[in-house]
Amino acid sequence: FLNLSSASVKEDIGNRKKIVVTFSILEDIVSVIG
């Protein structure tokens, strides 16, 4: 179950758009909007 869950999380992250921000305020705002 744990291995399947880990694989599911990795697959979910892989389907998301990868966004790199420069500092923590942007991290919060981009996470809210995205």
PDB file of all heavy atoms in Angstrom:
ATOM      1  N   PHE A   1       0.833  -1.214   0.000  1.00  0.00           N
ATOM      2  CA  PHE A   1       0.000   0.000   0.000  1.00  0.00           C
ATOM      3  C   PHE A   1       0.861   1.256   0.000  1.00  0.00           C
ATOM      4  O   PHE A   1       0.602   2.210  -0.741  1.00  0.00           O
ATOM      5  CB  PHE A   1      -0.916  -0.010   1.222  1.00  0.00           C
ATOM      6  CG  PHE A   1      -1.733   1.240   1.374  1.00  0.00           C
ATOM      7  CD1 PHE A   1      -2.836   1.485   0.575  1.00  0.00           C
ATOM      8  CD2 PHE A   1      -1.363   2.213   2.312  1.00  0.00           C
ATOM      9  CE1 PHE A   1      -3.576   2.644   0.704  1.00  0.00           C
ATOM     10  CE2 PHE A   1      -2.089   3.380   2.452  1.00  0.00           C
ATOM     11  CZ  PHE A   1      -3.204   3.589   1.642  1.00  0.00           C
ATOM     12  N   LEU A   2       1.915   1.261   0.824  1.00  0.00           N
ATOM     13  CA  LEU A   2       2.794   2.431   0.899  1.00  0.00           C
ATOM     14  C   LEU A   2       3.512   2.654  -0.418  1.00  0.00           C
ATOM     15  O   LEU A   2       3.676   3.796  -0.870  1.00  0.00           O
ATOM     16  CB  LEU A   2       3.800   2.263   2.039  1.00  0.00           C
ATOM     17  CG  LEU A   2       3.227   2.362   3.452  1.00  0.00           C
ATOM     18  CD1 LEU A   2       4.283   1.980   4.490  1.00  0.00           C
ATOM     19  CD2 LEU A   2       2.719   3.775   3.729  1.00  0.00           C
ATOM     20  N   ASN A   3       3.958   1.571  -1.065  1.00  0.00           N
ATOM     21  CA  ASN A   3       4.640   1.713  -2.350  1.00  0.00           C
ATOM     22  C   ASN A   3       3.699   2.246  -3.425  1.00  0.00           C
ATOM     23  O   ASN A   3       4.077   3.098  -4.235  1.00  0.00           O
ATOM     24  CB  ASN A   3       5.211   0.358  -2.793  1.00  0.00           C
ATOM     25  CG  ASN A   3       6.444  -0.042  -2.010  1.00  0.00           C
ATOM     26  OD1 ASN A   3       7.129   0.820  -1.471  1.00  0.00           O
ATOM     27  ND2 ASN A   3       6.738  -1.339  -1.943  1.00  0.00           N
ATOM     28  N   LEU A   4       2.449   1.758  -3.414  1.00  0.00           N
ATOM     29  CA  LEU A   4       1.463   2.250  -4.378  1.00  0.00           C
ATOM     30  C   LEU A   4       1.139   3.714  -4.135  1.00  0.00           C
ATOM     31  O   LEU A   4       1.002   4.506  -5.072  1.00  0.00           O
ATOM     32  CB  LEU A   4       0.188   1.403  -4.293  1.00  0.00           C
ATOM     33  CG  LEU A   4       0.278  -0.025  -4.859  1.00  0.00           C
ATOM     34  CD1 LEU A   4      -0.996  -0.783  -4.553  1.00  0.00           C
ATOM     35  CD2 LEU A   4       0.539   0.014  -6.356  1.00  0.00           C
ATOM     36  N   SER A   5       1.021   4.101  -2.845  1.00  0.00           N
ATOM     37  CA  SER A   5       0.731   5.502  -2.495  1.00  0.00           C
ATOM     38  C   SER A   5       1.863   6.401  -2.941  1.00  0.00           C
ATOM     39  O   SER A   5       1.646   7.485  -3.479  1.00  0.00           O
ATOM     40  CB  SER A   5       0.523   5.634  -0.981  1.00  0.00           C
ATOM     41  OG  SER A   5      -0.596   4.893  -0.567  1.00  0.00           O
ATOM     42  N   SER A   6       3.113   5.963  -2.694  1.00  0.00           N
ATOM     43  CA  SER A   6       4.275   6.756  -3.094  1.00  0.00           C
ATOM     44  C   SER A   6       4.313   6.932  -4.601  1.00  0.00           C
ATOM     45  O   SER A   6       4.577   8.024  -5.111  1.00  0.00           O
ATOM     46  CB  SER A   6       5.554   6.059  -2.613  1.00  0.00           C
ATOM     47  OG  SER A   6       6.695   6.747  -3.044  1.00  0.00           O
ATOM     48  N   ALA A   7       4.027   5.847  -5.334  1.00  0.00           N
ATOM     49  CA  ALA A   7       4.007   5.933  -6.798  1.00  0.00           C
ATOM     50  C   ALA A   7       2.918   6.867  -7.279  1.00  0.00           C
ATOM     51  O   ALA A   7       3.099   7.631  -8.232  1.00  0.00           O
ATOM     52  CB  ALA A   7       3.796   4.534  -7.386  1.00  0.00           C
ATOM     53  N   SER A   8       1.750   6.844  -6.584  1.00  0.00           N
ATOM     54  CA  SER A   8       0.633   7.718  -6.954  1.00  0.00           C
ATOM     55  C   SER A   8       0.986   9.182  -6.751  1.00  0.00           C
ATOM     56  O   SER A   8       0.672  10.034  -7.587  1.00  0.00           O
ATOM     57  CB  SER A   8      -0.592   7.352  -6.123  1.00  0.00           C
ATOM     58  OG  SER A   8      -1.657   8.228  -6.393  1.00  0.00           O
ATOM     59  N   VAL A   9       1.668   9.478  -5.624  1.00  0.00           N
ATOM     60  CA  VAL A   9       2.082  10.861  -5.342  1.00  0.00           C
ATOM     61  C   VAL A   9       3.067  11.343  -6.391  1.00  0.00           C
ATOM     62  O   VAL A   9       2.964  12.462  -6.907  1.00  0.00           O
ATOM     63  CB  VAL A   9       2.704  10.947  -3.931  1.00  0.00           C
ATOM     64  CG1 VAL A   9       3.374  12.307  -3.741  1.00  0.00           C
ATOM     65  CG2 VAL A   9       1.640  10.738  -2.869  1.00  0.00           C
ATOM     66  N   LYS A  10       4.045  10.471  -6.750  1.00  0.00           N
ATOM     67  CA  LYS A  10       5.037  10.857  -7.754  1.00  0.00           C
ATOM     68  C   LYS A  10       4.365  11.114  -9.102  1.00  0.00           C
ATOM     69  O   LYS A  10       4.716  12.048  -9.819  1.00  0.00           O
ATOM     70  CB  LYS A  10       6.089   9.756  -7.889  1.00  0.00           C
ATOM     71  CG  LYS A  10       7.047   9.680  -6.701  1.00  0.00           C
ATOM     72  CD  LYS A  10       8.052   8.559  -6.874  1.00  0.00           C
ATOM     73  CE  LYS A  10       8.986   8.477  -5.673  1.00  0.00           C
ATOM     74  NZ  LYS A  10       9.934   7.330  -5.796  1.00  0.00           N
ATOM     75  N   GLU A  11       3.395  10.263  -9.453  1.00  0.00           N
ATOM     76  CA  GLU A  11       2.672  10.441 -10.712  1.00  0.00           C
ATOM     77  C   GLU A  11       1.872  11.733 -10.699  1.00  0.00           C
ATOM     78  O   GLU A  11       1.832  12.470 -11.686  1.00  0.00           O
ATOM     79  CB  GLU A  11       1.744   9.254 -10.938  1.00  0.00           C
ATOM     80  CG  GLU A  11       1.016   9.304 -12.280  1.00  0.00           C
ATOM     81  CD  GLU A  11       0.096   8.116 -12.489  1.00  0.00           C
ATOM     82  OE1 GLU A  11       0.093   7.209 -11.645  1.00  0.00           O
ATOM     83  OE2 GLU A  11      -0.616   8.112 -13.501  1.00  0.00           O
ATOM     84  N   ASP A  12       1.254  12.047  -9.544  1.00  0.00           N
ATOM     85  CA  ASP A  12       0.465  13.274  -9.416  1.00  0.00           C
ATOM     86  C   ASP A  12       1.348  14.504  -9.598  1.00  0.00           C
ATOM     87  O   ASP A  12       1.002  15.433 -10.325  1.00  0.00           O
ATOM     88  CB  ASP A  12      -0.213  13.302  -8.044  1.00  0.00           C
ATOM     89  CG  ASP A  12      -1.056  14.550  -7.851  1.00  0.00           C
ATOM     90  OD1 ASP A  12      -1.846  14.865  -8.751  1.00  0.00           O
ATOM     91  OD2 ASP A  12      -0.910  15.216  -6.814  1.00  0.00           O
ATOM     92  N   ILE A  13       2.512  14.508  -8.935  1.00  0.00           N
ATOM     93  CA  ILE A  13       3.448  15.629  -9.062  1.00  0.00           C
ATOM     94  C   ILE A  13       3.942  15.740 -10.504  1.00  0.00           C
ATOM     95  O   ILE A  13       4.078  16.834 -11.058  1.00  0.00           O
ATOM     96  CB  ILE A  13       4.640  15.457  -8.095  1.00  0.00           C
ATOM     97  CG1 ILE A  13       4.156  15.620  -6.648  1.00  0.00           C
ATOM     98  CG2 ILE A  13       5.743  16.463  -8.402  1.00  0.00           C
ATOM     99  CD1 ILE A  13       5.215  15.348  -5.602  1.00  0.00           C
ATOM    100  N   GLY A  14       4.172  14.594 -11.126  1.00  0.00           N
ATOM    101  CA  GLY A  14       4.647  14.601 -12.503  1.00  0.00           C
ATOM    102  C   GLY A  14       3.650  15.205 -13.472  1.00  0.00           C
ATOM    103  O   GLY A  14       4.032  15.737 -14.518  1.00  0.00           O
ATOM    104  N   ASN A  15       2.360  15.137 -13.162  1.00  0.00           N
ATOM    105  CA  ASN A  15       1.329  15.700 -14.031  1.00  0.00           C
ATOM    106  C   ASN A  15       1.111  17.193 -13.812  1.00  0.00           C
ATOM    107  O   ASN A  15       0.426  17.841 -14.602  1.00  0.00           O
ATOM    108  CB  ASN A  15       0.002  14.965 -13.803  1.00  0.00           C
ATOM    109  CG  ASN A  15       0.050  13.538 -14.325  1.00  0.00           C
ATOM    110  OD1 ASN A  15       0.798  13.253 -15.262  1.00  0.00           O
ATOM    111  ND2 ASN A  15      -0.718  12.650 -13.721  1.00  0.00           N
ATOM    112  N   ARG A  16       1.643  17.724 -12.740  1.00  0.00           N
ATOM    113  CA  ARG A  16       1.479  19.151 -12.459  1.00  0.00           C
ATOM    114  C   ARG A  16       2.512  19.979 -13.229  1.00  0.00           C
ATOM    115  O   ARG A  16       3.576  19.473 -13.602  1.00  0.00           O
ATOM    116  CB  ARG A  16       1.645  19.426 -10.970  1.00  0.00           C
ATOM    117  CG  ARG A  16       0.676  18.700 -10.061  1.00  0.00           C
ATOM    118  CD  ARG A  16       0.945  19.087  -8.623  1.00  0.00           C
ATOM    119  NE  ARG A  16       0.364  18.151  -7.667  1.00  0.00           N
ATOM    120  CZ  ARG A  16       0.500  18.254  -6.361  1.00  0.00           C
ATOM    121  NH1 ARG A  16       1.219  19.253  -5.848  1.00  0.00           N
ATOM    122  NH2 ARG A  16      -0.054  17.370  -5.558  1.00  0.00           N
ATOM    123  N   LYS A  17       2.196  21.264 -13.408  1.00  0.00           N
ATOM    124  CA  LYS A  17       3.165  22.176 -13.998  1.00  0.00           C
ATOM    125  C   LYS A  17       4.229  22.506 -12.953  1.00  0.00           C
ATOM    126  O   LYS A  17       3.916  22.868 -11.821  1.00  0.00           O
ATOM    127  CB  LYS A  17       2.477  23.456 -14.474  1.00  0.00           C
ATOM    128  CG  LYS A  17       1.503  23.253 -15.627  1.00  0.00           C
ATOM    129  CD  LYS A  17       2.221  22.757 -16.874  1.00  0.00           C
ATOM    130  CE  LYS A  17       1.267  22.566 -18.034  1.00  0.00           C
ATOM    131  NZ  LYS A  17       1.963  22.031 -19.227  1.00  0.00           N
ATOM    132  N   LYS A  18       5.482  22.360 -13.348  1.00  0.00           N
ATOM    133  CA  LYS A  18       6.594  22.638 -12.428  1.00  0.00           C
ATOM    134  C   LYS A  18       6.956  24.117 -12.499  1.00  0.00           C
ATOM    135  O   LYS A  18       7.386  24.602 -13.561  1.00  0.00           O
ATOM    136  CB  LYS A  18       7.798  21.763 -12.775  1.00  0.00           C
ATOM    137  CG  LYS A  18       7.590  20.290 -12.476  1.00  0.00           C
ATOM    138  CD  LYS A  18       8.833  19.475 -12.751  1.00  0.00           C
ATOM    139  CE  LYS A  18       9.076  19.346 -14.239  1.00  0.00           C
ATOM    140  NZ  LYS A  18      10.215  18.435 -14.539  1.00  0.00           N
ATOM    141  N   ILE A  19       6.755  24.804 -11.382  1.00  0.00           N
ATOM    142  CA  ILE A  19       7.016  26.240 -11.338  1.00  0.00           C
ATOM    143  C   ILE A  19       8.092  26.521 -10.292  1.00  0.00           C
ATOM    144  O   ILE A  19       7.977  26.106  -9.133  1.00  0.00           O
ATOM    145  CB  ILE A  19       5.737  27.028 -11.010  1.00  0.00           C
ATOM    146  CG1 ILE A  19       4.647  26.729 -12.047  1.00  0.00           C
ATOM    147  CG2 ILE A  19       6.030  28.527 -10.952  1.00  0.00           C
ATOM    148  CD1 ILE A  19       3.334  27.445 -11.805  1.00  0.00           C
ATOM    149  N   VAL A  20       9.124  27.211 -10.703  1.00  0.00           N
ATOM    150  CA  VAL A  20      10.195  27.625  -9.794  1.00  0.00           C
ATOM    151  C   VAL A  20      10.033  29.111  -9.513  1.00  0.00           C
ATOM    152  O   VAL A  20       9.899  29.917 -10.446  1.00  0.00           O
ATOM    153  CB  VAL A  20      11.592  27.345 -10.391  1.00  0.00           C
ATOM    154  CG1 VAL A  20      12.688  27.928  -9.505  1.00  0.00           C
ATOM    155  CG2 VAL A  20      11.797  25.838 -10.562  1.00  0.00           C
ATOM    156  N   VAL A  21      10.005  29.473  -8.235  1.00  0.00           N
ATOM    157  CA  VAL A  21       9.886  30.878  -7.830  1.00  0.00           C
ATOM    158  C   VAL A  21      11.133  31.266  -7.058  1.00  0.00           C
ATOM    159  O   VAL A  21      11.885  30.403  -6.590  1.00  0.00           O
ATOM    160  CB  VAL A  21       8.620  31.117  -6.969  1.00  0.00           C
ATOM    161  CG1 VAL A  21       7.376  30.692  -7.721  1.00  0.00           C
ATOM    162  CG2 VAL A  21       8.717  30.380  -5.631  1.00  0.00           C
ATOM    163  N   THR A  22      11.328  32.568  -6.901  1.00  0.00           N
ATOM    164  CA  THR A  22      12.579  33.018  -6.295  1.00  0.00           C
ATOM    165  C   THR A  22      12.555  33.093  -4.773  1.00  0.00           C
ATOM    166  O   THR A  22      13.574  32.869  -4.130  1.00  0.00           O
ATOM    167  CB  THR A  22      12.971  34.401  -6.856  1.00  0.00           C
ATOM    168  OG1 THR A  22      11.837  35.282  -6.771  1.00  0.00           O
ATOM    169  CG2 THR A  22      13.417  34.289  -8.304  1.00  0.00           C
ATOM    170  N   PHE A  23      11.388  33.403  -4.172  1.00  0.00           N
ATOM    171  CA  PHE A  23      11.374  33.533  -2.708  1.00  0.00           C
ATOM    172  C   PHE A  23      10.007  33.161  -2.154  1.00  0.00           C
ATOM    173  O   PHE A  23       9.061  32.908  -2.903  1.00  0.00           O
ATOM    174  CB  PHE A  23      11.825  34.933  -2.271  1.00  0.00           C
ATOM    175  CG  PHE A  23      10.838  36.045  -2.530  1.00  0.00           C
ATOM    176  CD1 PHE A  23      10.388  36.839  -1.489  1.00  0.00           C
ATOM    177  CD2 PHE A  23      10.385  36.327  -3.814  1.00  0.00           C
ATOM    178  CE1 PHE A  23       9.487  37.880  -1.710  1.00  0.00           C
ATOM    179  CE2 PHE A  23       9.499  37.371  -4.049  1.00  0.00           C
ATOM    180  CZ  PHE A  23       9.038  38.144  -2.987  1.00  0.00           C
ATOM    181  N   SER A  24       9.892  33.129  -0.821  1.00  0.00           N
ATOM    182  CA  SER A  24       8.764  32.473  -0.157  1.00  0.00           C
ATOM    183  C   SER A  24       7.408  33.157  -0.363  1.00  0.00           C
ATOM    184  O   SER A  24       6.376  32.474  -0.385  1.00  0.00           O
ATOM    185  CB  SER A  24       9.040  32.331   1.342  1.00  0.00           C
ATOM    186  OG  SER A  24       9.335  33.592   1.935  1.00  0.00           O
ATOM    187  N   ILE A  25       7.368  34.467  -0.507  1.00  0.00           N
ATOM    188  CA  ILE A  25       6.084  35.132  -0.743  1.00  0.00           C
ATOM    189  C   ILE A  25       5.513  34.689  -2.089  1.00  0.00           C
ATOM    190  O   ILE A  25       4.320  34.395  -2.214  1.00  0.00           O
ATOM    191  CB  ILE A  25       6.220  36.665  -0.650  1.00  0.00           C
ATOM    192  CG1 ILE A  25       6.514  37.069   0.800  1.00  0.00           C
ATOM    193  CG2 ILE A  25       4.959  37.369  -1.153  1.00  0.00           C
ATOM    194  CD1 ILE A  25       6.813  38.530   1.017  1.00  0.00           C
ATOM    195  N   LEU A  26       6.367  34.593  -3.089  1.00  0.00           N
ATOM    196  CA  LEU A  26       5.926  34.071  -4.383  1.00  0.00           C
ATOM    197  C   LEU A  26       5.524  32.607  -4.280  1.00  0.00           C
ATOM    198  O   LEU A  26       4.568  32.169  -4.926  1.00  0.00           O
ATOM    199  CB  LEU A  26       7.042  34.226  -5.420  1.00  0.00           C
ATOM    200  CG  LEU A  26       7.156  35.585  -6.113  1.00  0.00           C
ATOM    201  CD1 LEU A  26       8.379  35.622  -6.998  1.00  0.00           C
ATOM    202  CD2 LEU A  26       5.910  35.898  -6.917  1.00  0.00           C
ATOM    203  N   GLU A  27       6.229  31.844  -3.477  1.00  0.00           N
ATOM    204  CA  GLU A  27       5.879  30.435  -3.274  1.00  0.00           C
ATOM    205  C   GLU A  27       4.436  30.308  -2.788  1.00  0.00           C
ATOM    206  O   GLU A  27       3.661  29.483  -3.295  1.00  0.00           O
ATOM    207  CB  GLU A  27       6.824  29.811  -2.252  1.00  0.00           C
ATOM    208  CG  GLU A  27       6.499  28.370  -1.891  1.00  0.00           C
ATOM    209  CD  GLU A  27       7.223  27.891  -0.646  1.00  0.00           C
ATOM    210  OE1 GLU A  27       8.008  28.660  -0.060  1.00  0.00           O
ATOM    211  OE2 GLU A  27       6.992  26.741  -0.252  1.00  0.00           O
ATOM    212  N   ASP A  28       4.068  31.142  -1.829  1.00  0.00           N
ATOM    213  CA  ASP A  28       2.712  31.097  -1.287  1.00  0.00           C
ATOM    214  C   ASP A  28       1.684  31.525  -2.330  1.00  0.00           C
ATOM    215  O   ASP A  28       0.679  30.835  -2.545  1.00  0.00           O
ATOM    216  CB  ASP A  28       2.622  32.000  -0.056  1.00  0.00           C
ATOM    217  CG  ASP A  28       1.202  32.084   0.492  1.00  0.00           C
ATOM    218  OD1 ASP A  28       0.629  31.023   0.807  1.00  0.00           O
ATOM    219  OD2 ASP A  28       0.665  33.205   0.588  1.00  0.00           O
ATOM    220  N   ILE A  29       1.922  32.637  -2.991  1.00  0.00           N
ATOM    221  CA  ILE A  29       0.949  33.175  -3.947  1.00  0.00           C
ATOM    222  C   ILE A  29       0.742  32.217  -5.125  1.00  0.00           C
ATOM    223  O   ILE A  29      -0.388  31.946  -5.537  1.00  0.00           O
ATOM    224  CB  ILE A  29       1.394  34.559  -4.463  1.00  0.00           C
ATOM    225  CG1 ILE A  29       1.508  35.566  -3.315  1.00  0.00           C
ATOM    226  CG2 ILE A  29       0.426  35.067  -5.531  1.00  0.00           C
ATOM    227  CD1 ILE A  29       0.235  35.790  -2.551  1.00  0.00           C
ATOM    228  N   VAL A  30       1.834  31.702  -5.681  1.00  0.00           N
ATOM    229  CA  VAL A  30       1.732  30.787  -6.822  1.00  0.00           C
ATOM    230  C   VAL A  30       1.010  29.497  -6.407  1.00  0.00           C
ATOM    231  O   VAL A  30       0.221  28.937  -7.173  1.00  0.00           O
ATOM    232  CB  VAL A  30       3.124  30.489  -7.406  1.00  0.00           C
ATOM    233  CG1 VAL A  30       3.049  29.396  -8.471  1.00  0.00           C
ATOM    234  CG2 VAL A  30       3.730  31.755  -8.003  1.00  0.00           C
ATOM    235  N   SER A  31       1.251  29.043  -5.174  1.00  0.00           N
ATOM    236  CA  SER A  31       0.567  27.841  -4.676  1.00  0.00           C
ATOM    237  C   SER A  31      -0.929  28.073  -4.535  1.00  0.00           C
ATOM    238  O   SER A  31      -1.734  27.180  -4.823  1.00  0.00           O
ATOM    239  CB  SER A  31       1.161  27.419  -3.324  1.00  0.00           C
ATOM    240  OG  SER A  31       2.518  27.058  -3.458  1.00  0.00           O
ATOM    241  N   VAL A  32      -1.319  29.273  -4.099  1.00  0.00           N
ATOM    242  CA  VAL A  32      -2.744  29.599  -3.955  1.00  0.00           C
ATOM    243  C   VAL A  32      -3.425  29.653  -5.322  1.00  0.00           C
ATOM    244  O   VAL A  32      -4.499  29.072  -5.523  1.00  0.00           O
ATOM    245  CB  VAL A  32      -2.930  30.944  -3.217  1.00  0.00           C
ATOM    246  CG1 VAL A  32      -4.379  31.410  -3.285  1.00  0.00           C
ATOM    247  CG2 VAL A  32      -2.505  30.813  -1.758  1.00  0.00           C
ATOM    248  N   ILE A  33      -2.821  30.350  -6.270  1.00  0.00           N
ATOM    249  CA  ILE A  33      -3.428  30.515  -7.595  1.00  0.00           C
ATOM    250  C   ILE A  33      -3.354  29.216  -8.395  1.00  0.00           C
ATOM    251  O   ILE A  33      -4.308  28.823  -9.065  1.00  0.00           O
ATOM    252  CB  ILE A  33      -2.746  31.656  -8.379  1.00  0.00           C
ATOM    253  CG1 ILE A  33      -2.847  32.982  -7.608  1.00  0.00           C
ATOM    254  CG2 ILE A  33      -3.365  31.796  -9.773  1.00  0.00           C
ATOM    255  CD1 ILE A  33      -4.249  33.435  -7.301  1.00  0.00           C
ATOM    256  N   GLY A  34      -2.226  28.527  -8.309  1.00  0.00           N
ATOM    257  CA  GLY A  34      -2.043  27.296  -9.080  1.00  0.00           C
ATOM    258  C   GLY A  34      -2.743  26.095  -8.488  1.00  0.00           C
ATOM    259  O   GLY A  34      -3.113  25.170  -9.216  1.00  0.00           O
TER     260      GLY A  34
END
